[in-house]
Protein backbone atom coordinates (compact mmCIF):
# COMPACT_ATOMS: atom_id res chain seq x y z
CA MET A 1 14.03 16.66 17.42
CA ASN A 2 11.03 18.86 15.83
CA VAL A 3 7.92 18.14 14.12
CA PRO A 4 9.05 18.17 10.51
CA GLN A 5 12.06 15.66 11.42
CA LEU A 6 9.84 13.58 13.29
CA PHE A 7 7.53 13.27 10.30
CA GLY A 8 10.15 12.73 8.06
CA LEU A 9 11.54 9.89 9.82
CA THR A 10 7.87 8.49 10.37
CA ALA A 11 7.63 8.72 6.42
CA ALA A 12 10.81 6.75 5.98
CA VAL A 13 9.81 4.19 8.42
CA LEU A 14 6.26 3.56 6.53
CA VAL A 15 8.30 3.31 3.45
CA GLY A 16 10.70 0.75 4.53
CA LEU A 17 7.84 -1.51 6.26
CA GLY A 18 5.97 -0.90 2.79
CA LEU A 19 9.01 -2.21 0.90
CA TYR A 20 9.69 -5.14 3.42
CA GLY A 21 6.17 -6.19 3.11
CA LEU A 22 6.09 -6.05 -0.59
CA ILE A 23 9.75 -8.29 -0.89
CA VAL A 24 8.50 -10.49 1.86
CA ASN A 25 4.86 -11.56 1.87
CA PRO A 26 3.98 -13.81 -1.29
CA GLN A 27 -0.05 -13.39 -0.45
CA PRO A 28 -1.65 -10.79 -3.33
CA LEU A 29 -3.48 -8.92 -0.39
CA ARG A 30 -0.74 -8.27 1.61
CA LYS A 31 1.36 -7.09 -0.94
CA VAL A 32 -1.26 -4.44 -1.53
CA LEU A 33 -1.63 -3.73 1.99
CA ALA A 34 2.22 -2.96 1.64
CA PHE A 35 1.99 -0.86 -1.72
CA ASN A 36 -0.54 1.06 0.48
CA LEU A 37 1.81 1.53 3.46
CA THR A 38 4.70 2.75 1.19
CA GLY A 39 2.21 5.18 -0.63
CA ASN A 40 1.49 6.71 2.75
CA GLY A 41 4.99 7.09 3.64
CA VAL A 42 5.57 8.82 0.40
CA PHE A 43 2.06 10.95 0.93
CA LEU A 44 3.50 12.04 4.40
CA ALA A 45 7.01 12.81 3.18
CA CYS A 46 5.54 15.22 0.40
CA ALA A 47 3.39 16.92 2.55
CA VAL A 48 6.36 17.58 5.01
CA ILE A 49 8.25 19.00 2.07
CA ALA A 50 4.89 20.78 0.98
CA ARG A 51 4.82 22.55 4.42
CA ARG A 52 8.25 23.55 5.23
CA GLY A 53 8.25 26.50 3.24
CA ALA A 54 5.43 28.51 4.86
CA ALA A 55 5.83 31.27 7.54
CA ALA A 56 5.19 30.48 11.28
CA GLY A 57 1.54 31.83 11.04
CA MET A 58 0.63 31.14 7.53
CA SER A 59 -0.91 28.10 5.90
CA GLY A 60 0.92 26.08 3.41
CA ASP A 61 0.52 26.37 -0.18
CA PRO A 62 -2.59 24.99 -1.71
CA VAL A 63 -1.42 23.53 -4.66
CA PRO A 64 0.69 21.00 -3.05
CA GLN A 65 -2.16 20.06 -0.77
CA ALA A 66 -4.64 19.48 -3.41
CA LEU A 67 -2.05 17.36 -5.60
CA LEU A 68 -1.74 15.23 -2.27
CA ILE A 69 -5.69 14.86 -1.87
CA THR A 70 -5.91 13.70 -5.35
CA ALA A 71 -3.15 11.43 -4.99
CA ILE A 72 -4.81 9.89 -1.60
CA VAL A 73 -8.19 9.15 -3.75
CA VAL A 74 -6.23 7.71 -6.63
CA SER A 75 -4.52 5.46 -4.58
CA PHE A 76 -7.84 4.07 -2.88
CA ALA A 77 -9.15 3.55 -6.23
CA ALA A 78 -6.30 1.40 -7.55
CA SER A 79 -6.76 -0.47 -4.30
CA ALA A 80 -10.21 -1.06 -4.87
CA LEU A 81 -9.43 -2.15 -8.41
CA ALA A 82 -6.87 -4.16 -7.32
CA VAL A 83 -8.75 -6.01 -4.55
CA GLY A 84 -11.56 -6.33 -6.93
CA LEU A 85 -9.52 -8.06 -9.55
CA MET A 86 -7.90 -10.42 -6.47
CA LEU A 87 -11.39 -11.37 -5.67
CA ARG A 88 -12.25 -12.14 -9.54
CA THR A 89 -8.92 -13.99 -9.90
CA PHE A 90 -9.90 -16.34 -6.83
CA ALA A 91 -13.52 -16.83 -8.09
CA GLU A 92 -11.83 -18.02 -11.28
CA THR A 93 -9.12 -20.01 -10.29
CA GLY A 94 -9.90 -20.82 -6.49
CA SER A 95 -6.73 -20.11 -5.65
CA ASN A 96 -5.09 -16.83 -4.25
CA SER A 97 -1.35 -17.54 -5.17
CA LEU A 98 0.51 -15.20 -7.73
CA SER A 99 2.69 -18.47 -8.41
CA THR A 100 2.73 -19.49 -12.25
CA ASP A 101 3.95 -23.15 -11.38
CA GLY A 102 2.13 -25.67 -12.65
CA ASP A 103 1.77 -27.27 -9.11
CA VAL A 104 -0.38 -24.38 -7.75
CA VAL A 105 -2.72 -25.89 -5.16
CA SER A 106 -6.19 -24.25 -4.45
CA ALA A 107 -7.72 -23.83 -0.84
CA GLN A 108 -10.34 -26.40 -1.60
CA ALA A 109 -7.47 -29.20 -2.60
CA CYS A 110 -5.93 -28.71 0.75
CA ALA A 111 -9.14 -28.88 2.78
CA ASP A 112 -9.66 -32.31 0.60
CA VAL A 113 -6.43 -33.46 1.71
CA GLU A 114 -6.80 -32.68 5.28
CA ALA A 115 -10.15 -34.29 5.29
CA ARG A 116 -9.02 -37.67 4.16
């Protein structure tokens, strides 16, 4: 197995684990982390594809590298925005659940029930 195949396999595993985390985890923070894991897998796959065309002693094409760096920065900013919105939602509602049901129980209500 050569290096591009290993990186491609790693990218596929990262995307698979990220999608699994998006589907399975109900907590919003874990969903953001799983989305970041999926994005990292996509970035790794794009980096492998961009590098494959270069000759042995040559460096890769700078345009895909610049696009990947830009995508990583945008991904970081989107993650920071999502975490900020989750903190604001938690401050307003007292719950970190994404459920829209009427029976959403906040963390304070659970603590009150356990204290009795």
